[in-house]
Each structure stands twice: as C-alpha cells, then as structure tokens.
Amino acid sequence: MRNTLTYKQKLVLSTVQDLIKKLGKSPTLEEIRQALGYASISSVQRHVDALKKKGYLINEKNQNRSLVLPASEPVVNIPLVEMLPVVPHYTQKKILKPISPIK
C-alpha cells in the first residue's frame, strides 16, 4: 500500500506526469527542476527519491531518462476501425424509391 504524499511530493509527481506527456519520454532532474522553478537539483532529487520509496515512481536500471510511472492497470490500445458519418443518412439529398415486394 502506498503512503500519503506531501504537497510538494504531489507537485513533483504531477510535474513528472505532465513532462512525460509533453516530452514523450522521461524527464531529467534538470527538466523537473526548471518546470518547478527550484534553485537546486538536490531538492528535486530528494522528492523523487521519496516518490520512488513510496512506489509512485520507478527507475529502470541501466537507462538514461529512466524515471517511469508504475502501471496501475494494463494498457490496452483499441484502434479505431472506421469513422462514422456525422450527418444522419436520412438527411442526405439522394432519395431512394421504395422497393416493391417480390411476387
């Protein structure tokens, strides 16, 4: 079970999530520092370490930009097969004649 987060830890976690979405990859400590407006990287490192200890962040070993969010649920990609028309078919200009029954 995860421990509760302090206000600053929530802020750092939210910033990491936003940067991952924006950059498409894990942010560096320097990028997190700049986004938060902190004066030193050591403050960011302290909060990131606390988030890792509490299970909110994970470091992948032997990787640059290795800060990742743990998957809480499996991700399933569902491709869009076809776009449907917005205009209902009965409002189109072409009028169909009724088919007479087969005798």
Protein backbone atom coordinates (compact mmCIF):
# COMPACT_ATOMS: atom_id res chain seq x y z
CA MET A 1 0.00 0.00 0.00
CA ARG A 2 1.26 3.46 -0.87
CA ASN A 3 1.89 6.10 1.73
CA THR A 4 0.28 9.50 1.52
CA LEU A 5 2.16 12.27 -0.24
CA THR A 6 3.11 15.72 0.97
CA TYR A 7 2.00 18.75 -1.04
CA LYS A 8 5.45 19.13 -2.65
CA GLN A 9 5.64 15.42 -3.49
CA LYS A 10 2.24 15.69 -5.21
CA LEU A 11 3.53 18.71 -7.10
CA VAL A 12 6.67 16.87 -8.24
CA LEU A 13 4.67 13.79 -9.26
CA SER A 14 2.19 15.90 -11.21
CA THR A 15 5.07 17.71 -12.92
CA VAL A 16 6.72 14.40 -13.88
CA GLN A 17 3.41 13.16 -15.34
CA ASP A 18 2.97 16.39 -17.32
CA LEU A 19 6.54 16.31 -18.63
CA ILE A 20 6.22 12.69 -19.73
CA LYS A 21 3.10 13.62 -21.71
CA LYS A 22 4.73 16.76 -23.14
CA LEU A 23 8.14 15.28 -23.99
CA GLY A 24 7.06 11.75 -24.82
CA LYS A 25 9.87 10.43 -22.64
CA SER A 26 11.02 10.52 -19.06
CA PRO A 27 12.19 13.94 -17.85
CA THR A 28 15.64 14.60 -16.43
CA LEU A 29 16.04 16.01 -12.94
CA GLU A 30 17.11 19.29 -14.55
CA GLU A 31 13.90 19.45 -16.60
CA ILE A 32 11.84 18.80 -13.48
CA ARG A 33 13.83 21.49 -11.60
CA GLN A 34 13.20 24.04 -14.34
CA ALA A 35 9.49 23.21 -14.56
CA LEU A 36 9.09 23.66 -10.80
CA GLY A 37 11.33 26.72 -10.58
CA TYR A 38 13.53 25.15 -7.92
CA ALA A 39 17.01 26.57 -7.31
CA SER A 40 18.80 23.23 -7.00
CA ILE A 41 18.56 19.71 -8.33
CA SER A 42 19.10 18.29 -4.84
CA SER A 43 15.58 19.37 -3.83
CA VAL A 44 14.14 17.57 -6.84
CA GLN A 45 16.29 14.51 -6.11
CA ARG A 46 15.04 14.36 -2.52
CA HIS A 47 11.37 14.44 -3.61
CA VAL A 48 11.94 11.95 -6.45
CA ASP A 49 13.69 9.57 -4.01
CA ALA A 50 10.72 9.83 -1.63
CA LEU A 51 8.29 9.13 -4.51
CA LYS A 52 10.34 6.07 -5.53
CA LYS A 53 10.40 4.82 -1.95
CA LYS A 54 6.61 5.19 -1.72
CA GLY A 55 6.10 3.39 -5.05
CA TYR A 56 4.85 6.33 -7.13
CA LEU A 57 7.92 6.36 -9.41
CA ILE A 58 10.29 3.65 -10.65
CA ASN A 59 13.80 3.86 -12.09
CA GLU A 60 14.57 1.48 -14.92
CA LYS A 61 18.08 0.13 -14.47
CA ASN A 62 20.91 0.98 -16.86
CA GLN A 63 18.82 3.52 -18.77
CA ASN A 64 19.08 7.24 -19.37
CA ARG A 65 15.88 9.11 -18.54
CA SER A 66 14.80 6.07 -16.57
CA LEU A 67 12.14 7.68 -14.38
CA VAL A 68 8.80 5.98 -15.13
CA LEU A 69 5.34 5.77 -13.62
CA PRO A 70 4.34 2.30 -12.46
CA ALA A 71 1.44 0.82 -14.41
CA SER A 72 -1.59 0.58 -12.14
CA GLU A 73 -3.66 -1.19 -14.79
CA PRO A 74 -2.73 -2.89 -18.04
CA VAL A 75 -2.88 -0.56 -21.01
CA VAL A 76 -4.98 -1.73 -23.93
CA ASN A 77 -4.79 0.05 -27.26
CA ILE A 78 -8.05 -0.12 -29.18
CA PRO A 79 -7.66 1.02 -32.79
CA LEU A 80 -10.43 2.99 -34.44
CA VAL A 81 -11.77 0.90 -37.28
CA GLU A 82 -13.87 3.41 -39.17
CA MET A 83 -15.21 6.90 -38.70
CA LEU A 84 -18.98 7.15 -38.85
CA PRO A 85 -20.74 9.98 -40.70
CA VAL A 86 -21.96 12.82 -38.52
CA VAL A 87 -24.95 13.62 -40.72
CA PRO A 88 -27.74 11.06 -40.41
CA HIS A 89 -28.30 9.15 -43.61
CA TYR A 90 -31.94 10.24 -43.96
CA THR A 91 -30.89 13.90 -44.33
CA GLN A 92 -28.76 13.25 -47.38
CA LYS A 93 -30.04 14.68 -50.70
CA LYS A 94 -30.44 11.38 -52.50
CA ILE A 95 -33.93 9.93 -52.02
CA LEU A 96 -34.36 6.22 -52.50
CA LYS A 97 -37.50 4.77 -54.04
CA PRO A 98 -39.19 2.02 -52.10
CA ILE A 99 -38.72 -1.48 -53.48
CA SER A 100 -41.89 -3.23 -54.48
CA PRO A 101 -42.42 -6.65 -52.92
CA ILE A 102 -41.35 -9.68 -54.93
CA LYS A 103 -44.29 -11.68 -56.36
